[in-house]
Amino acid sequence: MYDLIGDIHGHATELKALLTKMDYRETDGVWQHPERKVIFLGDFVDRGPEQVETVTIARNMVEGGQALAVMGNHEFNAVTWVTADPQNPGEYLRPHIDKNLKQHREFLEQVVEGSELHHSMIEWFKTLPVYLDLPEFRVVHACWHPEHLAAIADYTDSDNRLLPGAWEAASREGSAAYEAIEALLKGLEVPLPGDHHFFDKYQQKRTNIRTKWWQQGELTYRDLAMVPGNVIDQIPHEPVVADVLPGYDGEKPVFVGHYWMSGEPAPLNEHVACLDYSVAGDKGGKLCAYRYGSEKELKADNFEWIARV
């Protein structure tokens, strides 16, 4: 059986407390349980104060056979930050602009950019699969989207890991690999109708919304929009285009992270659970896990969490 853990973002203290709460113990440098294993949902790095320790704990568990893990968008970004852009000498697949540096600076400082440790962590990030489709359930960082999963298959190996030559395509806007990674690791976005738009917290004009892709039924753009509360009234109550959402077949549960949820953890619906409860947020954040026990429909009672220290 598995315990699935959401986005950690360098909060190793909370990770160790959550593992301890779930009866894992550290033995010879590897956290382990006599009967269960962990699945990490990605986003080990950026923001938090203990990023090296966080990656070390997760990596030791994976390499010690005590855990599985998928790639988060922050691991993808960390790899592309250091990967040279073959079409633009002196540039990188993730541009070294102020916005990107601000997001990634804490990791670069803690790991010491360019160090042997930094290189080793980047090489480990490259081994993380984009998704897992296990007999009992599915795992992806942000969005389970059959069309994009099919597209990324051309760029991954048999273990769903990006091929060495795929990182460039996955970073090049307009390619099938780019669109797939954007949806699977960063969430499904759809364009607003007409000239509708809003301004984000950086005062950048946005004409797309990130969606609650797991919702079903007749929906409007406002129903689907994941935007700050102060701009929700700017999202139109017009019905969404019929085929804009991937739908979810409900064949088995799917677990995601990424979305900075708040409040008391609970399933999004009977088949979908988000395990990111904002441990790296300003206040009230939690590091969250789901203790899976072979159920077909997800249960609120199976969530465990540790409030941010």
C-alpha atoms as a PDB file:
ATOM      1  CA  MET A   1       0.000   0.000   0.000  1.00  0.00           C
ATOM      2  CA  TYR A   2       1.032   3.582  -0.644  1.00  0.00           C
ATOM      3  CA  ASP A   3       1.062   6.929   1.127  1.00  0.00           C
ATOM      4  CA  LEU A   4       0.993   9.780  -1.390  1.00  0.00           C
ATOM      5  CA  ILE A   5       2.634  13.070  -0.361  1.00  0.00           C
ATOM      6  CA  GLY A   6       2.007  16.442  -1.984  1.00  0.00           C
ATOM      7  CA  ASP A   7       4.275  19.386  -2.781  1.00  0.00           C
ATOM      8  CA  ILE A   8       7.021  19.859  -0.157  1.00  0.00           C
ATOM      9  CA  HIS A   9       8.947  22.887  -1.508  1.00  0.00           C
ATOM     10  CA  GLY A  10      11.914  22.507   0.802  1.00  0.00           C
ATOM     11  CA  HIS A  11      10.044  21.976   4.068  1.00  0.00           C
ATOM     12  CA  ALA A  12      11.991  18.965   5.312  1.00  0.00           C
ATOM     13  CA  THR A  13      11.021  19.510   8.953  1.00  0.00           C
ATOM     14  CA  GLU A  14       7.350  19.058   8.082  1.00  0.00           C
ATOM     15  CA  LEU A  15       8.194  16.107   5.815  1.00  0.00           C
ATOM     16  CA  LYS A  16       9.967  14.276   8.647  1.00  0.00           C
ATOM     17  CA  ALA A  17       7.103  15.037  11.006  1.00  0.00           C
ATOM     18  CA  LEU A  18       4.546  13.718   8.510  1.00  0.00           C
ATOM     19  CA  LEU A  19       6.551  10.546   7.863  1.00  0.00           C
ATOM     20  CA  THR A  20       6.865  10.003  11.610  1.00  0.00           C
ATOM     21  CA  LYS A  21       3.119  10.543  12.083  1.00  0.00           C
ATOM     22  CA  MET A  22       2.495   7.814   9.479  1.00  0.00           C
ATOM     23  CA  ASP A  23       4.839   5.404  11.328  1.00  0.00           C
ATOM     24  CA  TYR A  24       7.835   5.665   8.993  1.00  0.00           C
ATOM     25  CA  ARG A  25      11.248   5.505  10.664  1.00  0.00           C
ATOM     26  CA  GLU A  26      14.704   6.429   9.399  1.00  0.00           C
ATOM     27  CA  THR A  27      17.046   3.453   9.134  1.00  0.00           C
ATOM     28  CA  ASP A  28      20.526   3.763   7.600  1.00  0.00           C
ATOM     29  CA  GLY A  29      19.573   7.113   6.082  1.00  0.00           C
ATOM     30  CA  VAL A  30      16.348   5.869   4.471  1.00  0.00           C
ATOM     31  CA  TRP A  31      12.866   6.543   5.811  1.00  0.00           C
ATOM     32  CA  GLN A  32      10.809   3.360   5.595  1.00  0.00           C
ATOM     33  CA  HIS A  33       7.708   1.535   6.763  1.00  0.00           C
ATOM     34  CA  PRO A  34       7.357  -2.239   7.240  1.00  0.00           C
ATOM     35  CA  GLU A  35       4.272  -2.461   5.032  1.00  0.00           C
ATOM     36  CA  ARG A  36       3.874   0.756   3.032  1.00  0.00           C
ATOM     37  CA  LYS A  37       5.721   2.964   0.547  1.00  0.00           C
ATOM     38  CA  VAL A  38       5.516   6.650  -0.351  1.00  0.00           C
ATOM     39  CA  ILE A  39       4.704   8.259  -3.684  1.00  0.00           C
ATOM     40  CA  PHE A  40       5.910  11.854  -3.966  1.00  0.00           C
ATOM     41  CA  LEU A  41       3.921  14.148  -6.273  1.00  0.00           C
ATOM     42  CA  GLY A  42       6.839  16.421  -7.170  1.00  0.00           C
ATOM     43  CA  ASP A  43       7.811  20.021  -6.345  1.00  0.00           C
ATOM     44  CA  PHE A  44      10.535  19.173  -3.860  1.00  0.00           C
ATOM     45  CA  VAL A  45      12.365  22.463  -4.405  1.00  0.00           C
ATOM     46  CA  ASP A  46      12.016  26.262  -4.478  1.00  0.00           C
ATOM     47  CA  ARG A  47      10.667  28.524  -1.734  1.00  0.00           C
ATOM     48  CA  GLY A  48      11.406  26.574   1.488  1.00  0.00           C
ATOM     49  CA  PRO A  49      14.412  26.657   3.841  1.00  0.00           C
ATOM     50  CA  GLU A  50      15.519  22.985   3.679  1.00  0.00           C
ATOM     51  CA  GLN A  51      15.614  22.099  -0.002  1.00  0.00           C
ATOM     52  CA  VAL A  52      18.800  20.024   0.029  1.00  0.00           C
ATOM     53  CA  GLU A  53      17.524  17.907   2.908  1.00  0.00           C
ATOM     54  CA  THR A  54      14.124  17.523   1.247  1.00  0.00           C
ATOM     55  CA  VAL A  55      15.614  16.221  -1.992  1.00  0.00           C
ATOM     56  CA  THR A  56      18.018  13.973  -0.056  1.00  0.00           C
ATOM     57  CA  ILE A  57      15.185  12.362   1.919  1.00  0.00           C
ATOM     58  CA  ALA A  58      13.063  11.750  -1.177  1.00  0.00           C
ATOM     59  CA  ARG A  59      15.953  10.576  -3.320  1.00  0.00           C
ATOM     60  CA  ASN A  60      17.222   8.154  -0.675  1.00  0.00           C
ATOM     61  CA  MET A  61      13.732   6.699  -0.333  1.00  0.00           C
ATOM     62  CA  VAL A  62      13.310   6.282  -4.090  1.00  0.00           C
ATOM     63  CA  GLU A  63      16.768   4.820  -4.622  1.00  0.00           C
ATOM     64  CA  GLY A  64      16.305   2.610  -1.551  1.00  0.00           C
ATOM     65  CA  GLY A  65      13.099   1.117  -2.934  1.00  0.00           C
ATOM     66  CA  GLN A  66      10.894   2.783  -0.305  1.00  0.00           C
ATOM     67  CA  ALA A  67       9.215   5.348  -2.570  1.00  0.00           C
ATOM     68  CA  LEU A  68       8.224   6.376  -6.075  1.00  0.00           C
ATOM     69  CA  ALA A  69       8.073   9.956  -7.332  1.00  0.00           C
ATOM     70  CA  VAL A  70       6.855  11.978 -10.292  1.00  0.00           C
ATOM     71  CA  MET A  71       8.248  15.204 -11.674  1.00  0.00           C
ATOM     72  CA  GLY A  72       6.779  18.543 -10.645  1.00  0.00           C
ATOM     73  CA  ASN A  73       6.977  21.708 -12.687  1.00  0.00           C
ATOM     74  CA  HIS A  74       9.695  22.998 -10.338  1.00  0.00           C
ATOM     75  CA  GLU A  75      11.938  20.009 -11.097  1.00  0.00           C
ATOM     76  CA  PHE A  76      11.277  20.502 -14.820  1.00  0.00           C
ATOM     77  CA  ASN A  77      12.192  24.180 -14.430  1.00  0.00           C
ATOM     78  CA  ALA A  78      15.358  23.315 -12.485  1.00  0.00           C
ATOM     79  CA  VAL A  79      16.568  21.068 -15.314  1.00  0.00           C
ATOM     80  CA  THR A  80      15.780  23.552 -18.072  1.00  0.00           C
ATOM     81  CA  TRP A  81      17.415  26.377 -16.097  1.00  0.00           C
ATOM     82  CA  VAL A  82      20.802  24.685 -16.516  1.00  0.00           C
ATOM     83  CA  THR A  83      20.250  23.180 -19.987  1.00  0.00           C
ATOM     84  CA  ALA A  84      21.799  25.165 -22.815  1.00  0.00           C
ATOM     85  CA  ASP A  85      19.493  26.192 -25.657  1.00  0.00           C
ATOM     86  CA  PRO A  86      21.090  24.691 -28.792  1.00  0.00           C
ATOM     87  CA  GLN A  87      19.348  27.201 -31.026  1.00  0.00           C
ATOM     88  CA  ASN A  88      20.510  30.256 -29.059  1.00  0.00           C
ATOM     89  CA  PRO A  89      24.185  30.121 -27.996  1.00  0.00           C
ATOM     90  CA  GLY A  90      24.737  31.465 -24.510  1.00  0.00           C
ATOM     91  CA  GLU A  91      21.058  31.083 -23.602  1.00  0.00           C
ATOM     92  CA  TYR A  92      19.206  28.378 -21.663  1.00  0.00           C
ATOM     93  CA  LEU A  93      15.969  26.479 -22.227  1.00  0.00           C
ATOM     94  CA  ARG A  94      14.516  28.328 -19.244  1.00  0.00           C
ATOM     95  CA  PRO A  95      15.495  31.960 -19.785  1.00  0.00           C
ATOM     96  CA  HIS A  96      17.530  33.547 -16.986  1.00  0.00           C
ATOM     97  CA  ILE A  97      15.167  36.484 -16.622  1.00  0.00           C
ATOM     98  CA  ASP A  98      14.355  38.166 -13.315  1.00  0.00           C
ATOM     99  CA  LYS A  99      10.970  36.456 -12.868  1.00  0.00           C
ATOM    100  CA  ASN A 100      12.458  32.980 -13.320  1.00  0.00           C
ATOM    101  CA  LEU A 101      15.471  33.755 -11.139  1.00  0.00           C
ATOM    102  CA  LYS A 102      13.254  35.060  -8.338  1.00  0.00           C
ATOM    103  CA  GLN A 103      11.314  31.782  -8.315  1.00  0.00           C
ATOM    104  CA  HIS A 104      14.451  29.635  -8.341  1.00  0.00           C
ATOM    105  CA  ARG A 105      16.971  31.711  -6.345  1.00  0.00           C
ATOM    106  CA  GLU A 106      16.473  29.949  -2.997  1.00  0.00           C
ATOM    107  CA  PHE A 107      17.294  26.577  -4.556  1.00  0.00           C
ATOM    108  CA  LEU A 108      20.353  27.910  -6.389  1.00  0.00           C
ATOM    109  CA  GLU A 109      21.696  29.486  -3.192  1.00  0.00           C
ATOM    110  CA  GLN A 110      21.044  26.466  -0.968  1.00  0.00           C
ATOM    111  CA  VAL A 111      22.513  23.939  -3.399  1.00  0.00           C
ATOM    112  CA  VAL A 112      25.270  26.354  -4.571  1.00  0.00           C
ATOM    113  CA  GLU A 113      24.695  26.835  -8.276  1.00  0.00           C
ATOM    114  CA  GLY A 114      27.146  24.898 -10.411  1.00  0.00           C
ATOM    115  CA  SER A 115      28.359  22.693  -7.568  1.00  0.00           C
ATOM    116  CA  GLU A 116      28.724  18.923  -7.729  1.00  0.00           C
ATOM    117  CA  LEU A 117      25.650  18.631  -5.487  1.00  0.00           C
ATOM    118  CA  HIS A 118      23.641  20.848  -7.845  1.00  0.00           C
ATOM    119  CA  HIS A 119      24.665  18.725 -10.826  1.00  0.00           C
ATOM    120  CA  SER A 120      23.807  15.511  -8.974  1.00  0.00           C
ATOM    121  CA  MET A 121      20.332  16.745  -8.069  1.00  0.00           C
ATOM    122  CA  ILE A 122      19.645  17.865 -11.643  1.00  0.00           C
ATOM    123  CA  GLU A 123      20.616  14.418 -12.918  1.00  0.00           C
ATOM    124  CA  TRP A 124      18.197  12.848 -10.429  1.00  0.00           C
ATOM    125  CA  PHE A 125      15.392  15.198 -11.467  1.00  0.00           C
ATOM    126  CA  LYS A 126      15.857  13.953 -15.037  1.00  0.00           C
ATOM    127  CA  THR A 127      15.029  10.408 -13.903  1.00  0.00           C
ATOM    128  CA  LEU A 128      11.604  11.363 -12.534  1.00  0.00           C
ATOM    129  CA  PRO A 129       8.665  10.127 -14.641  1.00  0.00           C
ATOM    130  CA  VAL A 130       6.093  12.581 -15.932  1.00  0.00           C
ATOM    131  CA  TYR A 131       3.293  10.397 -14.568  1.00  0.00           C
ATOM    132  CA  LEU A 132       2.466   6.993 -13.075  1.00  0.00           C
ATOM    133  CA  ASP A 133      -0.394   4.759 -14.186  1.00  0.00           C
ATOM    134  CA  LEU A 134      -0.476   2.000 -11.592  1.00  0.00           C
ATOM    135  CA  PRO A 135      -3.013  -0.833 -11.371  1.00  0.00           C
ATOM    136  CA  GLU A 136      -4.781   0.835  -8.436  1.00  0.00           C
ATOM    137  CA  PHE A 137      -4.516   4.561  -9.219  1.00  0.00           C
ATOM    138  CA  ARG A 138      -2.826   7.277 -11.279  1.00  0.00           C
ATOM    139  CA  VAL A 139      -0.418  10.055 -10.328  1.00  0.00           C
ATOM    140  CA  VAL A 140       0.514  13.251 -12.173  1.00  0.00           C
ATOM    141  CA  HIS A 141       1.655  16.599 -10.818  1.00  0.00           C
ATOM    142  CA  ALA A 142      -1.146  18.811 -12.156  1.00  0.00           C
ATOM    143  CA  CYS A 143      -3.607  17.392 -14.716  1.00  0.00           C
ATOM    144  CA  TRP A 144      -4.549  13.947 -16.013  1.00  0.00           C
ATOM    145  CA  HIS A 145      -5.212  14.673 -19.687  1.00  0.00           C
ATOM    146  CA  PRO A 146      -5.411  11.691 -22.077  1.00  0.00           C
ATOM    147  CA  GLU A 147      -4.658  13.733 -25.198  1.00  0.00           C
ATOM    148  CA  HIS A 148      -1.507  15.261 -23.716  1.00  0.00           C
ATOM    149  CA  LEU A 149      -0.468  11.941 -22.174  1.00  0.00           C
ATOM    150  CA  ALA A 150      -0.636  10.411 -25.652  1.00  0.00           C
ATOM    151  CA  ALA A 151       1.401  13.294 -27.076  1.00  0.00           C
ATOM    152  CA  ILE A 152       4.159  13.063 -24.459  1.00  0.00           C
ATOM    153  CA  ALA A 153       4.541   9.334 -25.168  1.00  0.00           C
ATOM    154  CA  ASP A 154       6.594  10.257 -28.243  1.00  0.00           C
ATOM    155  CA  TYR A 155       9.099  12.016 -25.970  1.00  0.00           C
ATOM    156  CA  THR A 156       9.361   9.550 -23.070  1.00  0.00           C
ATOM    157  CA  ASP A 157      10.852   6.126 -22.421  1.00  0.00           C
ATOM    158  CA  SER A 158       9.043   3.024 -21.164  1.00  0.00           C
ATOM    159  CA  ASP A 159       9.158   4.417 -17.605  1.00  0.00           C
ATOM    160  CA  ASN A 160       7.514   7.724 -18.672  1.00  0.00           C
ATOM    161  CA  ARG A 161      10.757   9.669 -18.232  1.00  0.00           C
ATOM    162  CA  LEU A 162      11.614  12.432 -20.688  1.00  0.00           C
ATOM    163  CA  LEU A 163      14.179  11.283 -23.229  1.00  0.00           C
ATOM    164  CA  PRO A 164      17.473  13.215 -23.357  1.00  0.00           C
ATOM    165  CA  GLY A 165      16.471  14.907 -26.593  1.00  0.00           C
ATOM    166  CA  ALA A 166      12.989  15.835 -25.381  1.00  0.00           C
ATOM    167  CA  TRP A 167      13.861  18.689 -23.040  1.00  0.00           C
ATOM    168  CA  GLU A 168      14.350  21.143 -25.884  1.00  0.00           C
ATOM    169  CA  ALA A 169      11.029  20.279 -27.528  1.00  0.00           C
ATOM    170  CA  ALA A 170       9.260  20.413 -24.164  1.00  0.00           C
ATOM    171  CA  SER A 171      10.630  23.932 -23.642  1.00  0.00           C
ATOM    172  CA  ARG A 172       9.803  25.243 -27.122  1.00  0.00           C
ATOM    173  CA  GLU A 173       6.446  27.002 -27.165  1.00  0.00           C
ATOM    174  CA  GLY A 174       4.146  25.647 -29.856  1.00  0.00           C
ATOM    175  CA  SER A 175       5.454  22.086 -29.895  1.00  0.00           C
ATOM    176  CA  ALA A 176       3.292  19.118 -28.895  1.00  0.00           C
ATOM    177  CA  ALA A 177       5.758  18.304 -26.112  1.00  0.00           C
ATOM    178  CA  TYR A 178       5.563  21.855 -24.757  1.00  0.00           C
ATOM    179  CA  GLU A 179       1.765  21.876 -24.729  1.00  0.00           C
ATOM    180  CA  ALA A 180       1.718  18.468 -23.032  1.00  0.00           C
ATOM    181  CA  ILE A 181       4.166  19.436 -20.283  1.00  0.00           C
ATOM    182  CA  GLU A 182       2.315  22.703 -19.696  1.00  0.00           C
ATOM    183  CA  ALA A 183      -0.934  20.822 -19.045  1.00  0.00           C
ATOM    184  CA  LEU A 184       0.425  17.782 -17.215  1.00  0.00           C
ATOM    185  CA  LEU A 185       2.838  19.625 -14.904  1.00  0.00           C
ATOM    186  CA  LYS A 186       1.398  23.145 -14.694  1.00  0.00           C
ATOM    187  CA  GLY A 187      -2.341  22.681 -15.156  1.00  0.00           C
ATOM    188  CA  LEU A 188      -4.817  22.977 -18.001  1.00  0.00           C
ATOM    189  CA  GLU A 189      -5.388  26.534 -19.200  1.00  0.00           C
ATOM    190  CA  VAL A 190      -8.117  27.623 -21.611  1.00  0.00           C
ATOM    191  CA  PRO A 191      -8.647  30.965 -23.362  1.00  0.00           C
ATOM    192  CA  LEU A 192     -11.419  33.246 -22.184  1.00  0.00           C
ATOM    193  CA  PRO A 193     -14.059  34.054 -24.811  1.00  0.00           C
ATOM    194  CA  GLY A 194     -14.030  37.314 -26.734  1.00  0.00           C
ATOM    195  CA  ASP A 195     -11.941  40.087 -25.220  1.00  0.00           C
ATOM    196  CA  HIS A 196     -12.397  39.002 -21.599  1.00  0.00           C
ATOM    197  CA  HIS A 197      -9.250  39.236 -19.478  1.00  0.00           C
ATOM    198  CA  PHE A 198      -7.950  39.936 -15.980  1.00  0.00           C
ATOM    199  CA  PHE A 199      -4.702  41.117 -14.397  1.00  0.00           C
ATOM    200  CA  ASP A 200      -2.692  38.789 -12.168  1.00  0.00           C
ATOM    201  CA  LYS A 201      -0.802  39.697  -8.988  1.00  0.00           C
ATOM    202  CA  TYR A 202       2.135  40.875 -11.110  1.00  0.00           C
ATOM    203  CA  GLN A 203      -0.252  43.142 -13.064  1.00  0.00           C
ATOM    204  CA  GLN A 204       0.238  41.079 -16.189  1.00  0.00           C
ATOM    205  CA  LYS A 205      -2.762  40.877 -18.497  1.00  0.00           C
ATOM    206  CA  ARG A 206      -4.166  37.336 -18.654  1.00  0.00           C
ATOM    207  CA  THR A 207      -6.516  36.091 -21.345  1.00  0.00           C
ATOM    208  CA  ASN A 208      -6.369  32.428 -20.229  1.00  0.00           C
ATOM    209  CA  ILE A 209      -7.592  30.813 -17.030  1.00  0.00           C
ATOM    210  CA  ARG A 210      -6.222  27.797 -15.200  1.00  0.00           C
ATOM    211  CA  THR A 211      -9.084  25.348 -14.881  1.00  0.00           C
ATOM    212  CA  LYS A 212     -10.591  23.011 -12.328  1.00  0.00           C
ATOM    213  CA  TRP A 213     -10.240  20.316 -14.980  1.00  0.00           C
ATOM    214  CA  TRP A 214     -11.777  17.645 -12.737  1.00  0.00           C
ATOM    215  CA  GLN A 215     -15.208  19.257 -12.694  1.00  0.00           C
ATOM    216  CA  GLN A 216     -18.091  17.644 -14.556  1.00  0.00           C
ATOM    217  CA  GLY A 217     -21.421  18.762 -16.012  1.00  0.00           C
ATOM    218  CA  GLU A 218     -22.577  22.020 -17.570  1.00  0.00           C
ATOM    219  CA  LEU A 219     -20.060  24.657 -16.519  1.00  0.00           C
ATOM    220  CA  THR A 220     -19.233  28.293 -17.126  1.00  0.00           C
ATOM    221  CA  TYR A 221     -15.801  29.878 -17.356  1.00  0.00           C
ATOM    222  CA  ARG A 222     -16.307  31.295 -13.856  1.00  0.00           C
ATOM    223  CA  ASP A 223     -17.151  27.829 -12.514  1.00  0.00           C
ATOM    224  CA  LEU A 224     -13.852  26.509 -13.856  1.00  0.00           C
ATOM    225  CA  ALA A 225     -11.529  29.416 -13.157  1.00  0.00           C
ATOM    226  CA  MET A 226      -8.740  29.104 -10.606  1.00  0.00           C
ATOM    227  CA  VAL A 227      -8.029  32.798 -10.086  1.00  0.00           C
ATOM    228  CA  PRO A 228      -7.642  35.071  -7.041  1.00  0.00           C
ATOM    229  CA  GLY A 229     -10.914  35.932  -5.363  1.00  0.00           C
ATOM    230  CA  ASN A 230     -10.535  39.612  -6.164  1.00  0.00           C
ATOM    231  CA  VAL A 231     -10.782  38.964  -9.931  1.00  0.00           C
ATOM    232  CA  ILE A 232     -13.326  36.149 -10.068  1.00  0.00           C
ATOM    233  CA  ASP A 233     -16.096  38.621 -10.954  1.00  0.00           C
ATOM    234  CA  GLN A 234     -14.171  39.473 -14.132  1.00  0.00           C
ATOM    235  CA  ILE A 235     -14.505  35.898 -15.411  1.00  0.00           C
ATOM    236  CA  PRO A 236     -17.646  35.526 -17.540  1.00  0.00           C
ATOM    237  CA  HIS A 237     -20.524  33.286 -16.584  1.00  0.00           C
ATOM    238  CA  GLU A 238     -20.702  32.027 -20.173  1.00  0.00           C
ATOM    239  CA  PRO A 239     -20.863  28.280 -20.857  1.00  0.00           C
ATOM    240  CA  VAL A 240     -17.500  26.774 -21.712  1.00  0.00           C
ATOM    241  CA  VAL A 241     -16.806  25.284 -25.120  1.00  0.00           C
ATOM    242  CA  ALA A 242     -18.002  21.675 -25.099  1.00  0.00           C
ATOM    243  CA  ASP A 243     -14.659  19.963 -25.668  1.00  0.00           C
ATOM    244  CA  VAL A 244     -12.433  22.254 -23.605  1.00  0.00           C
ATOM    245  CA  LEU A 245     -12.080  19.813 -20.682  1.00  0.00           C
ATOM    246  CA  PRO A 246     -10.479  16.375 -20.872  1.00  0.00           C
ATOM    247  CA  GLY A 247     -13.088  14.785 -18.602  1.00  0.00           C
ATOM    248  CA  TYR A 248     -12.071  11.959 -16.302  1.00  0.00           C
ATOM    249  CA  ASP A 249     -13.125   8.384 -16.890  1.00  0.00           C
ATOM    250  CA  GLY A 250     -13.223   7.517 -13.168  1.00  0.00           C
ATOM    251  CA  GLU A 251     -11.695   4.119 -13.938  1.00  0.00           C
ATOM    252  CA  LYS A 252      -9.468   4.523 -10.880  1.00  0.00           C
ATOM    253  CA  PRO A 253      -8.473   7.360  -8.548  1.00  0.00           C
ATOM    254  CA  VAL A 254      -5.987  10.016  -9.647  1.00  0.00           C
ATOM    255  CA  PHE A 255      -3.767  12.082  -7.337  1.00  0.00           C
ATOM    256  CA  VAL A 256      -2.339  15.517  -8.155  1.00  0.00           C
ATOM    257  CA  GLY A 257      -0.483  18.300  -6.365  1.00  0.00           C
ATOM    258  CA  HIS A 258       0.271  21.824  -7.590  1.00  0.00           C
ATOM    259  CA  TYR A 259      -2.857  23.808  -6.771  1.00  0.00           C
ATOM    260  CA  TRP A 260      -2.198  25.476  -3.387  1.00  0.00           C
ATOM    261  CA  MET A 261      -5.393  24.310  -1.730  1.00  0.00           C
ATOM    262  CA  SER A 262      -6.482  25.609   1.688  1.00  0.00           C
ATOM    263  CA  GLY A 263      -8.751  24.509   4.487  1.00  0.00           C
ATOM    264  CA  GLU A 264      -9.224  20.955   5.683  1.00  0.00           C
ATOM    265  CA  PRO A 265      -7.961  18.412   3.129  1.00  0.00           C
ATOM    266  CA  ALA A 266     -10.628  16.380   1.342  1.00  0.00           C
ATOM    267  CA  PRO A 267     -11.102  14.804  -2.116  1.00  0.00           C
ATOM    268  CA  LEU A 268     -12.080  17.083  -4.999  1.00  0.00           C
ATOM    269  CA  ASN A 269     -14.568  14.392  -5.971  1.00  0.00           C
ATOM    270  CA  GLU A 270     -14.847  10.634  -5.498  1.00  0.00           C
ATOM    271  CA  HIS A 271     -12.033   9.957  -7.994  1.00  0.00           C
ATOM    272  CA  VAL A 272      -9.678  12.966  -7.775  1.00  0.00           C
ATOM    273  CA  ALA A 273      -7.589  14.272  -4.867  1.00  0.00           C
ATOM    274  CA  CYS A 274      -5.191  17.206  -4.682  1.00  0.00           C
ATOM    275  CA  LEU A 275      -2.472  16.863  -2.044  1.00  0.00           C
ATOM    276  CA  ASP A 276      -0.954  20.359  -2.273  1.00  0.00           C
ATOM    277  CA  TYR A 277      -2.171  22.281   0.769  1.00  0.00           C
ATOM    278  CA  SER A 278       0.231  25.214   0.600  1.00  0.00           C
ATOM    279  CA  VAL A 279       2.954  24.209   3.052  1.00  0.00           C
ATOM    280  CA  ALA A 280       5.093  26.900   1.398  1.00  0.00           C
ATOM    281  CA  GLY A 281       2.361  29.528   1.747  1.00  0.00           C
ATOM    282  CA  ASP A 282       2.418  32.494   4.094  1.00  0.00           C
ATOM    283  CA  LYS A 283       0.112  31.110   6.778  1.00  0.00           C
ATOM    284  CA  GLY A 284      -2.023  28.110   7.587  1.00  0.00           C
ATOM    285  CA  GLY A 285      -0.262  25.805   5.157  1.00  0.00           C
ATOM    286  CA  LYS A 286      -0.070  22.047   5.571  1.00  0.00           C
ATOM    287  CA  LEU A 287       2.046  19.227   4.196  1.00  0.00           C
ATOM    288  CA  CYS A 288      -0.553  16.694   3.157  1.00  0.00           C
ATOM    289  CA  ALA A 289      -0.659  12.961   2.443  1.00  0.00           C
ATOM    290  CA  TYR A 290      -3.288  10.437   1.419  1.00  0.00           C
ATOM    291  CA  ARG A 291      -3.081   6.916   2.892  1.00  0.00           C
ATOM    292  CA  TYR A 292      -4.374   4.749   0.087  1.00  0.00           C
ATOM    293  CA  GLY A 293      -5.964   1.428   0.994  1.00  0.00           C
ATOM    294  CA  SER A 294      -7.323  -0.035  -2.279  1.00  0.00           C
ATOM    295  CA  GLU A 295     -10.584   1.950  -2.201  1.00  0.00           C
ATOM    296  CA  LYS A 296     -12.272   2.809  -5.520  1.00  0.00           C
ATOM    297  CA  GLU A 297     -13.769   6.032  -4.143  1.00  0.00           C
ATOM    298  CA  LEU A 298     -11.565   8.439  -2.203  1.00  0.00           C
ATOM    299  CA  LYS A 299     -12.306   9.234   1.439  1.00  0.00           C
ATOM    300  CA  ALA A 300     -11.641  12.360   3.483  1.00  0.00           C
ATOM    301  CA  ASP A 301     -10.718  10.155   6.456  1.00  0.00           C
ATOM    302  CA  ASN A 302      -7.627   8.909   4.617  1.00  0.00           C
ATOM    303  CA  PHE A 303      -5.925  12.328   4.540  1.00  0.00           C
ATOM    304  CA  GLU A 304      -3.089  13.047   6.975  1.00  0.00           C
ATOM    305  CA  TRP A 305      -1.276  16.319   7.380  1.00  0.00           C
ATOM    306  CA  ILE A 306       1.189  18.366   9.384  1.00  0.00           C
ATOM    307  CA  ALA A 307       0.675  22.098   9.815  1.00  0.00           C
ATOM    308  CA  ARG A 308       3.647  24.243   8.847  1.00  0.00           C
ATOM    309  CA  VAL A 309       6.039  24.721  11.726  1.00  0.00           C
END
